[in-house]
Protein backbone atom coordinates (compact mmCIF):
# COMPACT_ATOMS: atom_id res chain seq x y z
CA MET A 1 0.00 0.00 0.00
CA SER A 2 1.29 3.49 -0.83
CA PHE A 3 0.94 6.08 1.88
CA PRO A 4 -2.31 8.08 1.35
CA SER A 5 -0.77 11.50 0.64
CA GLU A 6 -4.17 12.64 -0.65
CA LEU A 7 -5.07 13.03 3.05
CA ALA A 8 -2.20 15.47 3.69
CA TYR A 9 -4.50 18.50 3.86
CA GLN A 10 -6.64 20.47 6.24
CA TYR A 11 -10.26 19.33 6.41
CA ILE A 12 -12.57 22.29 7.01
CA ASP A 13 -16.32 22.42 6.43
CA GLY A 14 -16.26 19.30 4.28
CA GLU A 15 -13.40 20.46 2.01
CA TRP A 16 -9.79 19.27 1.75
CA LEU A 17 -7.69 22.42 1.72
CA THR A 18 -4.04 23.47 1.71
CA GLY A 19 -3.08 25.34 4.87
CA ASN A 20 -2.15 29.00 4.66
CA GLY A 21 0.82 28.85 7.00
CA ALA A 22 4.37 29.67 5.97
CA TRP A 23 5.90 26.26 6.73
CA ASP A 24 5.22 22.54 6.44
CA ILE A 25 4.94 19.67 8.87
CA ILE A 26 6.93 16.76 7.45
CA ASP A 27 5.54 13.33 8.27
CA PHE A 28 8.31 10.70 8.47
CA ASN A 29 8.36 6.94 8.85
CA PRO A 30 10.22 6.60 12.18
CA TYR A 31 11.78 3.27 11.23
CA ASN A 32 13.46 4.06 7.92
CA GLY A 33 13.26 7.86 7.83
CA GLU A 34 11.22 7.88 4.62
CA LYS A 35 9.28 11.07 4.01
CA LEU A 36 5.62 10.12 3.91
CA CYS A 37 4.12 13.51 3.11
CA SER A 38 4.36 17.22 3.85
CA ILE A 39 1.46 19.32 5.10
CA THR A 40 1.31 23.11 5.06
CA VAL A 41 0.18 24.17 8.51
CA ALA A 42 -3.14 25.80 9.31
CA THR A 43 -3.18 29.34 10.70
CA ALA A 44 -5.24 30.97 13.42
CA ALA A 45 -7.58 32.23 10.70
CA GLU A 46 -8.28 28.63 9.71
CA VAL A 47 -8.87 27.73 13.35
CA ASP A 48 -11.65 30.30 13.27
CA LEU A 49 -13.04 28.94 9.97
CA ALA A 50 -13.14 25.40 11.35
CA TYR A 51 -14.84 26.36 14.62
CA ARG A 52 -17.40 28.57 12.85
CA ALA A 53 -18.22 25.76 10.43
CA ALA A 54 -18.64 23.37 13.34
CA GLU A 55 -20.88 25.82 15.16
CA ARG A 56 -23.19 26.20 12.14
CA ALA A 57 -23.37 22.50 11.38
CA GLN A 58 -23.93 21.47 15.00
CA ARG A 59 -27.25 23.29 15.33
CA GLU A 60 -28.86 21.15 12.63
CA TRP A 61 -27.10 17.97 13.75
CA ALA A 62 -28.45 18.35 17.29
CA ALA A 63 -31.96 18.65 15.88
CA VAL A 64 -31.90 15.49 13.74
CA GLY A 65 -33.16 12.26 15.22
CA ALA A 66 -30.95 9.86 17.15
CA PHE A 67 -31.58 7.17 14.55
CA ARG A 68 -30.03 9.27 11.79
CA ARG A 69 -26.95 9.94 13.91
CA ARG A 70 -26.71 6.26 14.74
CA ALA A 71 -26.81 5.34 11.04
CA VAL A 72 -23.73 7.49 10.37
CA LEU A 73 -21.84 5.92 13.27
CA GLU A 74 -22.80 2.42 12.12
CA ASN A 75 -21.55 3.26 8.64
CA ALA A 76 -18.24 4.30 10.19
CA VAL A 77 -18.02 0.98 12.06
CA ARG A 78 -18.52 -0.86 8.79
CA LEU A 79 -15.93 1.24 6.93
CA VAL A 80 -13.25 0.70 9.55
CA GLY A 81 -13.86 -3.03 9.26
CA GLU A 82 -13.70 -2.98 5.46
CA ARG A 83 -10.54 -0.84 5.43
CA ALA A 84 -8.81 -2.50 8.38
CA GLY A 85 -5.91 -3.73 6.27
CA GLU A 86 -5.23 -0.33 4.73
CA ILE A 87 -5.51 1.44 8.08
CA THR A 88 -3.12 -1.06 9.65
CA GLU A 89 -0.50 -0.41 6.96
CA LEU A 90 -0.85 3.34 7.43
CA ILE A 91 -0.37 3.09 11.20
CA ILE A 92 2.75 0.93 10.77
CA ASP A 93 4.24 3.48 8.35
CA GLU A 94 3.41 6.58 10.36
CA LEU A 95 3.96 5.33 13.92
CA GLY A 96 6.52 2.56 13.60
CA GLY A 97 4.44 0.21 15.72
CA THR A 98 4.42 -3.50 15.05
CA ARG A 99 1.73 -5.09 12.93
CA ALA A 100 0.12 -6.74 15.96
CA ARG A 101 -0.05 -3.40 17.74
CA ALA A 102 -1.55 -1.66 14.68
CA GLU A 103 -4.14 -4.41 14.21
CA PHE A 104 -5.07 -4.11 17.88
CA GLU A 105 -5.60 -0.36 17.51
CA VAL A 106 -7.88 -0.80 14.50
CA ARG A 107 -10.00 -3.44 16.26
CA ALA A 108 -10.26 -1.28 19.37
CA ALA A 109 -11.30 1.78 17.35
CA GLN A 110 -14.05 -0.27 15.73
CA GLU A 111 -15.34 -1.35 19.16
CA PHE A 112 -15.33 2.22 20.44
CA LEU A 113 -17.25 3.33 17.36
CA ARG A 114 -19.80 0.58 17.97
CA GLU A 115 -20.23 1.73 21.58
CA ALA A 116 -20.64 5.35 20.44
CA ALA A 117 -23.36 4.34 17.98
CA GLY A 118 -25.38 3.04 20.92
CA ARG A 119 -24.91 6.30 22.80
CA THR A 120 -27.03 8.18 20.27
CA MET A 121 -29.99 7.14 22.42
CA SER A 122 -28.60 8.73 25.60
CA LEU A 123 -30.25 12.14 25.34
CA ALA A 124 -33.42 11.15 27.17
CA ALA A 125 -35.10 13.56 29.60
CA GLU A 126 -35.87 12.84 33.26
CA LEU A 127 -39.12 13.70 35.02
CA LEU A 128 -38.41 14.54 38.66
CA PRO A 129 -40.76 15.24 41.59
CA SER A 130 -41.19 18.67 43.15
CA ALA A 131 -41.96 19.96 46.63
CA THR A 132 -44.36 22.46 45.02
CA GLU A 133 -47.91 21.27 44.36
CA GLY A 134 -48.71 20.94 40.66
CA LYS A 135 -45.12 21.52 39.52
CA GLU A 136 -43.39 19.26 37.01
CA ASN A 137 -39.60 19.16 36.77
CA ARG A 138 -38.07 18.09 33.51
CA VAL A 139 -34.30 17.68 33.18
CA TYR A 140 -33.12 17.50 29.60
CA ARG A 141 -29.67 16.21 28.59
CA LEU A 142 -28.41 18.30 25.68
CA PRO A 143 -25.21 18.34 23.61
CA VAL A 144 -22.68 20.92 24.79
CA GLY A 145 -22.09 22.18 21.23
CA VAL A 146 -18.57 22.04 19.81
CA ILE A 147 -15.64 20.02 21.17
CA GLY A 148 -11.98 20.92 20.60
CA VAL A 149 -9.86 17.75 20.48
CA ILE A 150 -6.06 17.76 20.83
CA SER A 151 -4.90 14.22 20.17
CA ALA A 152 -1.74 12.23 20.99
CA PHE A 153 0.67 10.21 18.84
CA ASN A 154 0.82 6.92 20.72
CA PHE A 155 -2.56 5.45 19.73
CA PRO A 156 -3.70 8.31 17.46
CA PHE A 157 -6.45 6.62 15.49
CA LEU A 158 -8.01 5.16 18.63
CA VAL A 159 -7.56 8.24 20.84
CA THR A 160 -9.15 10.56 18.29
CA MET A 161 -11.94 8.11 17.47
CA LYS A 162 -12.86 7.40 21.12
CA THR A 163 -13.26 11.15 21.68
CA VAL A 164 -14.86 12.26 18.43
CA ALA A 165 -17.28 9.35 17.97
CA PRO A 166 -19.28 9.78 21.21
CA ALA A 167 -19.22 13.56 20.83
CA LEU A 168 -20.81 13.26 17.39
CA ALA A 169 -23.20 10.55 18.56
CA LEU A 170 -24.52 12.89 21.25
CA GLY A 171 -25.25 15.72 18.82
CA ASN A 172 -22.01 17.72 19.02
CA ALA A 173 -19.52 18.85 16.40
CA ALA A 174 -15.75 18.57 16.75
CA VAL A 175 -12.53 20.21 15.61
CA VAL A 176 -9.45 17.99 15.87
CA LYS A 177 -5.81 19.00 16.12
CA PRO A 178 -3.79 15.77 15.73
CA HIS A 179 -0.23 15.34 16.98
CA GLN A 180 2.48 16.37 14.50
CA ASN A 181 3.91 12.84 14.54
CA ALA A 182 0.54 11.33 13.59
CA PRO A 183 -1.33 13.89 11.45
CA ILE A 184 -2.91 11.29 9.18
CA ALA A 185 -3.73 8.41 11.55
CA GLY A 186 -4.88 10.80 14.28
CA GLY A 187 -6.66 13.32 12.09
CA SER A 188 -7.20 13.12 8.34
CA LEU A 189 -7.96 9.40 8.33
CA VAL A 190 -10.72 9.86 10.90
CA ALA A 191 -12.18 12.70 8.83
CA ARG A 192 -12.16 10.58 5.67
CA ILE A 193 -13.97 7.71 7.39
CA PHE A 194 -16.73 9.96 8.69
CA GLU A 195 -16.97 11.81 5.37
CA ASP A 196 -17.49 8.50 3.57
CA ALA A 197 -19.91 7.39 6.30
CA GLY A 198 -22.23 10.27 5.41
CA LEU A 199 -21.46 12.77 8.17
CA PRO A 200 -22.71 16.21 7.03
CA PRO A 201 -20.00 18.79 6.23
CA GLY A 202 -18.73 20.97 9.04
CA LEU A 203 -19.42 18.54 11.88
CA LEU A 204 -15.88 17.20 11.93
CA ASN A 205 -12.91 19.38 11.03
CA VAL A 206 -9.19 18.57 11.18
CA LEU A 207 -6.46 21.18 11.58
CA ILE A 208 -2.88 20.05 11.14
CA THR A 209 -0.75 22.73 12.74
CA ASP A 210 1.35 23.65 15.76
CA SER A 211 1.16 26.10 18.65
CA ALA A 212 4.19 27.88 17.14
CA GLU A 213 1.81 28.94 14.36
CA ILE A 214 -1.56 29.33 16.12
CA GLY A 215 -0.59 30.07 19.74
CA ASP A 216 -3.47 29.30 22.10
CA SER A 217 -6.18 30.14 19.58
CA PHE A 218 -7.37 26.53 19.42
CA ILE A 219 -8.20 26.64 23.14
CA GLU A 220 -9.16 30.30 23.49
CA HIS A 221 -11.62 30.43 20.58
CA PRO A 222 -15.09 31.30 21.89
CA VAL A 223 -16.93 28.47 20.08
CA PRO A 224 -15.69 25.24 21.77
CA LYS A 225 -17.30 24.53 25.13
CA VAL A 226 -15.14 21.47 25.93
CA ILE A 227 -11.44 20.91 25.28
CA ALA A 228 -10.35 17.26 25.27
CA PHE A 229 -6.57 16.96 25.48
CA THR A 230 -4.38 13.84 25.49
CA GLY A 231 -0.69 14.37 26.12
CA SER A 232 1.90 15.33 28.71
CA ASP A 233 1.02 16.78 32.10
CA ARG A 234 3.23 19.79 31.36
CA ILE A 235 1.15 20.86 28.38
CA GLY A 236 -2.03 19.62 30.05
CA ARG A 237 -1.52 22.09 32.90
CA HIS A 238 -1.31 24.91 30.38
CA VAL A 239 -4.43 23.73 28.55
CA ALA A 240 -6.30 23.50 31.87
CA ALA A 241 -5.22 26.97 32.96
CA VAL A 242 -6.21 28.66 29.70
CA ALA A 243 -9.54 26.80 29.50
CA ALA A 244 -10.43 27.45 33.15
CA GLY A 245 -9.98 31.17 32.68
CA LEU A 246 -12.60 31.03 29.93
CA PHE A 247 -14.98 28.73 31.87
CA LYS A 248 -14.47 25.87 29.41
CA ARG A 249 -14.80 22.27 30.53
CA THR A 250 -11.70 20.11 30.08
CA ILE A 251 -11.18 16.37 29.68
CA LEU A 252 -7.48 15.76 30.33
CA GLU A 253 -5.80 12.41 29.71
CA LEU A 254 -2.22 13.05 30.81
CA SER A 255 1.06 11.39 31.75
CA GLY A 256 1.39 8.28 33.86
CA ASN A 257 3.88 6.48 36.06
CA SER A 258 2.05 3.22 36.44
CA ALA A 259 3.22 0.38 38.65
CA LEU A 260 2.73 -3.35 38.20
CA VAL A 261 2.92 -5.03 41.61
CA VAL A 262 3.88 -8.68 42.12
CA LEU A 263 2.84 -9.99 45.54
CA GLU A 264 4.54 -13.02 47.10
CA ASP A 265 1.72 -15.41 46.13
CA ALA A 266 1.49 -14.38 42.46
CA ASP A 267 1.70 -16.77 39.50
CA LEU A 268 5.18 -15.61 38.45
CA ASP A 269 5.02 -16.83 34.86
CA HIS A 270 1.77 -14.95 34.31
CA ALA A 271 3.08 -11.88 36.14
CA VAL A 272 6.20 -11.85 33.95
CA ARG A 273 4.12 -11.97 30.77
CA ALA A 274 1.87 -9.18 32.05
CA ALA A 275 4.86 -7.07 33.06
CA VAL A 276 6.63 -7.47 29.70
CA TYR A 277 3.44 -6.53 27.83
CA SER A 278 2.66 -3.65 30.20
CA ARG A 279 6.11 -2.12 29.86
CA PHE A 280 7.05 -2.75 26.24
CA LEU A 281 3.82 -2.44 24.25
CA PHE A 282 4.52 0.10 21.48
CA GLN A 283 8.07 0.54 22.80
CA GLY A 284 6.70 1.76 26.13
CA GLN A 285 5.28 4.91 24.52
CA VAL A 286 1.95 4.53 26.30
CA SER A 287 0.85 6.62 29.28
CA MET A 288 -0.51 3.49 31.02
CA ALA A 289 2.76 1.58 30.57
CA ALA A 290 4.28 0.01 33.68
CA ASN A 291 7.19 2.34 34.38
CA ARG A 292 7.78 0.64 37.72
CA ILE A 293 7.63 -3.09 38.33
CA LEU A 294 7.38 -3.73 42.05
CA VAL A 295 8.27 -7.21 43.32
CA ASP A 296 7.96 -8.62 46.84
CA ARG A 297 11.47 -9.22 48.10
CA SER A 298 10.67 -12.86 48.86
CA VAL A 299 10.23 -13.61 45.13
CA GLU A 300 12.47 -10.87 43.74
CA GLU A 301 15.32 -13.12 42.60
CA GLU A 302 13.09 -15.65 40.87
CA PHE A 303 10.92 -13.03 39.19
CA THR A 304 13.91 -10.95 38.09
CA GLY A 305 15.56 -13.93 36.40
CA ARG A 306 12.43 -14.81 34.45
CA PHE A 307 11.65 -11.19 33.59
CA THR A 308 15.12 -10.30 32.30
CA ALA A 309 15.19 -13.48 30.22
CA ALA A 310 11.85 -12.58 28.65
CA VAL A 311 12.94 -9.00 27.96
CA SER A 312 16.25 -10.12 26.43
CA ALA A 313 14.30 -12.32 24.02
CA LEU A 314 12.26 -9.42 22.60
CA ALA A 315 13.25 -8.87 18.98
CA SER A 316 13.90 -5.25 17.92
CA GLY A 317 13.78 -4.12 14.32
CA ASP A 318 11.51 -3.63 11.34
CA PRO A 319 7.92 -3.26 12.59
CA ARG A 320 6.70 -5.08 9.46
CA ASP A 321 8.57 -8.21 10.47
CA PRO A 322 6.05 -10.46 12.27
CA ASP A 323 8.76 -11.50 14.77
CA THR A 324 9.48 -7.90 15.82
CA ARG A 325 8.21 -6.90 19.25
CA ILE A 326 10.11 -3.61 19.62
CA GLY A 327 9.96 -1.13 16.75
CA PRO A 328 11.37 2.40 16.62
CA VAL A 329 10.47 5.17 19.01
CA VAL A 330 8.65 8.05 17.42
CA SER A 331 11.61 10.39 16.75
CA ALA A 332 15.37 10.82 16.92
CA PHE A 333 14.88 13.31 19.74
CA GLN A 334 13.09 10.68 21.79
CA ALA A 335 15.76 8.07 21.06
CA GLU A 336 18.52 10.41 22.19
CA ALA A 337 16.60 11.42 25.33
CA LEU A 338 16.05 7.80 26.35
CA THR A 339 19.71 6.93 25.80
CA ALA A 340 20.78 9.88 27.95
CA LEU A 341 18.26 8.90 30.63
CA VAL A 342 19.67 5.37 30.91
CA ASP A 343 23.28 6.60 30.86
CA GLY A 344 22.49 9.06 33.64
CA ALA A 345 20.77 6.44 35.78
CA VAL A 346 23.70 4.03 35.51
CA ALA A 347 26.16 6.83 36.29
CA ALA A 348 24.09 7.61 39.39
CA GLY A 349 24.39 4.04 40.67
CA ALA A 350 21.61 2.02 39.02
CA THR A 351 22.40 -1.45 37.70
CA ALA A 352 21.47 -2.36 34.13
CA LEU A 353 20.34 -5.99 34.19
CA VAL A 354 19.55 -5.67 30.49
CA ARG A 355 21.19 -2.85 28.51
CA GLY A 356 19.81 -2.24 25.06
CA ARG A 357 21.61 -0.47 22.25
CA THR A 358 20.35 2.57 20.37
CA ARG A 359 20.48 2.30 16.58
CA GLY A 360 18.89 5.30 14.94
CA ASN A 361 15.34 5.41 16.29
CA LEU A 362 15.55 1.79 17.45
CA VAL A 363 16.00 1.74 21.22
CA GLU A 364 16.38 -1.79 22.50
CA PRO A 365 14.88 -2.71 25.90
CA THR A 366 16.68 -1.86 29.12
CA VAL A 367 15.96 -3.13 32.64
CA LEU A 368 17.32 -1.09 35.56
CA THR A 369 17.41 -1.96 39.24
CA GLY A 370 19.05 -0.57 42.34
CA LEU A 371 17.68 2.95 41.95
CA PRO A 372 17.84 4.75 45.30
CA GLU A 373 14.52 5.69 46.90
CA GLY A 374 13.65 9.23 45.92
CA SER A 375 15.37 8.95 42.55
CA PRO A 376 13.71 11.37 40.09
CA LEU A 377 13.55 8.52 37.59
CA LEU A 378 11.07 6.68 39.83
CA GLU A 379 8.72 9.65 39.81
CA GLN A 380 8.61 10.55 36.10
CA GLU A 381 6.95 9.11 33.04
CA ILE A 382 9.39 7.20 30.85
CA SER A 383 8.08 7.14 27.30
CA GLY A 384 10.23 4.33 25.99
CA PRO A 385 11.39 0.72 26.48
CA VAL A 386 13.02 1.16 29.91
CA ALA A 387 11.76 -0.88 32.88
CA LEU A 388 12.54 -0.14 36.53
CA LEU A 389 12.55 -3.07 38.99
CA VAL A 390 11.79 -2.08 42.59
CA PRO A 391 11.68 -4.54 45.53
CA PHE A 392 9.30 -4.08 48.49
CA ASP A 393 8.68 -5.66 51.87
CA GLY A 394 5.01 -6.59 52.24
CA GLU A 395 1.75 -5.04 51.05
CA ASP A 396 1.91 -1.84 53.09
CA ASP A 397 5.33 -1.03 51.66
CA ALA A 398 4.07 -1.73 48.13
CA VAL A 399 1.06 0.58 48.60
CA ARG A 400 3.36 3.31 49.90
CA ILE A 401 5.70 3.03 46.92
CA VAL A 402 2.90 2.95 44.34
CA ASN A 403 1.26 6.03 45.84
CA ASP A 404 4.58 7.88 46.09
CA SER A 405 4.13 9.38 42.65
CA PRO A 406 2.78 12.65 41.26
CA TYR A 407 0.70 10.57 38.85
CA GLY A 408 -2.32 8.30 39.24
CA LEU A 409 -3.40 6.83 35.93
CA SER A 410 -3.27 3.04 35.84
CA GLY A 411 -1.68 0.07 37.57
CA ALA A 412 -1.95 -3.65 38.24
CA VAL A 413 -1.43 -6.12 41.07
CA HIS A 414 -0.76 -9.86 40.75
CA THR A 415 -1.83 -12.26 43.47
CA ALA A 416 -3.34 -15.73 43.90
CA ASP A 417 -6.24 -14.17 45.83
CA ALA A 418 -8.34 -11.93 43.57
CA GLU A 419 -10.19 -10.31 46.47
CA ARG A 420 -6.87 -9.52 48.14
CA GLY A 421 -5.98 -7.82 44.87
CA VAL A 422 -9.18 -5.79 44.96
CA ARG A 423 -8.44 -4.67 48.53
CA PHE A 424 -4.96 -3.67 47.43
CA ALA A 425 -6.31 -1.78 44.39
CA ARG A 426 -8.76 0.20 46.53
CA ARG A 427 -5.84 1.59 48.55
CA ILE A 428 -4.15 3.08 45.48
CA ARG A 429 -4.75 6.73 44.60
CA GLY A 430 -5.43 6.53 40.90
CA GLY A 431 -8.15 6.32 38.30
CA MET A 432 -7.71 2.68 37.19
CA PHE A 433 -6.17 -0.45 38.68
CA HIS A 434 -6.31 -4.05 37.48
CA VAL A 435 -6.08 -7.36 39.31
CA ASN A 436 -3.99 -10.07 37.59
CA GLY A 437 -3.93 -8.15 34.34
CA ALA A 438 -1.86 -5.58 32.47
CA THR A 439 -1.56 -1.89 33.30
CA VAL A 440 -2.45 -1.05 29.68
CA GLN A 441 -6.19 -1.56 29.34
CA ASP A 442 -9.14 0.28 27.86
CA ASP A 443 -12.77 -0.68 27.46
CA PRO A 444 -15.48 1.11 25.47
CA ALA A 445 -18.06 0.83 28.27
CA VAL A 446 -15.89 1.67 31.32
CA ALA A 447 -14.87 5.13 32.56
CA PHE A 448 -11.26 5.86 31.59
CA GLY A 449 -9.09 8.52 33.21
CA GLY A 450 -6.62 9.41 35.92
CA GLU A 451 -6.11 11.30 39.15
CA LYS A 452 -3.42 13.70 40.40
CA GLY A 453 -1.05 14.72 37.58
CA SER A 454 -2.61 12.16 35.25
CA GLY A 455 -5.56 14.38 34.45
CA MET A 456 -9.20 15.03 35.15
CA GLY A 457 -12.49 13.92 33.68
CA ARG A 458 -13.37 10.58 32.16
CA LEU A 459 -14.16 9.11 28.75
CA ASN A 460 -15.92 5.92 27.54
CA GLY A 461 -19.47 4.72 28.04
CA GLU A 462 -21.65 6.73 30.37
CA ALA A 463 -18.64 8.90 31.27
CA ALA A 464 -18.58 10.20 27.69
CA VAL A 465 -22.22 11.22 28.07
CA GLU A 466 -21.24 13.26 31.15
CA ALA A 467 -18.28 14.74 29.27
CA PHE A 468 -20.09 15.87 26.13
CA THR A 469 -23.57 16.83 27.33
CA THR A 470 -25.09 19.30 29.74
CA ARG A 471 -28.28 19.20 31.79
CA LYS A 472 -31.07 21.75 31.45
CA TRP A 473 -33.88 22.05 34.00
CA ILE A 474 -37.27 23.12 32.69
CA SER A 475 -40.15 23.32 35.15
CA VAL A 476 -43.83 23.41 34.25
CA GLN A 477 -46.38 24.76 36.73
CA HIS A 478 -49.80 23.15 36.33
CA GLY A 479 -52.48 25.29 37.91
CA ARG A 480 -51.70 28.45 39.85
CA THR A 481 -49.51 28.93 42.91
CA ALA A 482 -49.63 31.69 45.47
CA PHE A 483 -46.64 34.04 45.46
CA PRO A 484 -45.52 35.79 48.67
CA PHE A 485 -45.80 39.26 47.06
């Protein structure tokens, strides 16, 4: 498949347009450095055009019946299924992820679309009692209007789809700004699918640009009522501050520093497999990835031997090779930063049980242990194939270490007693925690999001309804009441 360069444009009000900026974003294949396409950036003026188009189109979209909206979403589900092979190839080219990872993303996006199609029926009104005789209270759930979506590069097709699809299903319009490293998979491709699915023009717009060109205009524009951002906590704090000053609602899916905990009674073979998957899926460039792998000291030696053997066996290389488990990281900058991070940790006293090489954008897996408590490395998100092994002494110590983090996104605990795992999970300050599973999980019907520096708000299922609708109270007085004056 040739890369779909026909999607290398802005998508505004149903038209594919060349941006009016003075420079281009170059989209590269991170594995071989091949130039995939160049896209002239959108300007602040085009931000305004996109939001105004969305505002106009949304009024009519909100008024059409839920069954018509559902038909469009169901068409999109069908199209993703029919084009799964092409979408997979595109994701491999643009992101450098393995084929298995790309296929997983496409299947997940289809499931999230299917869930969103069902949410078209979620705008029902409630009839509530009143303390006043003859008074009827109606509470209507209405679309908020227009959503601004700033997407990430790590699972771009899925992240954009899981935000845009429920927003559209609930009667909203959306303007998407995809990440520069995934402008097609996280932006133009989504627009093309909905265009072909019959979505009316203006309801979904894609702006490929950068804050260096548009400043904060994407957030500050008066039209969007909700800003959904996926990315680092550093930028997320800025988004939150700007939006809060304008009384905009934010849905923030930010950085993580997840821990996978292995208690003394865990099935070690299963825990090793879960830990390897949780840390090294998509080269560890996932906010839910298990940065820290905590192991009870009583099984530390046995677990460590099995884990390092499994990590050493992971093949790095061409993501198109079916045997490859570790493809390239997203950019040369990221590869250099990860190499420097590992070098600095070893210089500071950490032990590298597995020490991977860096070859271009290929960063082979590394496993570090012996980091001193309080090491900055234990508190930050590591967006790459670097695992940190941390021993602990009993459950209370494990809970303390897991919670000793500025982040609270995901995590997992492994134990022979599932209810013990649930009790452990309830003690962790975070948005999601999994018993005997991986730290990297998502589900179309279950609220997804973090606490502390990992963000605010939730997506998926009923949480998406809360995120993209508002309630309006209308009372009806039957008969006449007496007023005090």
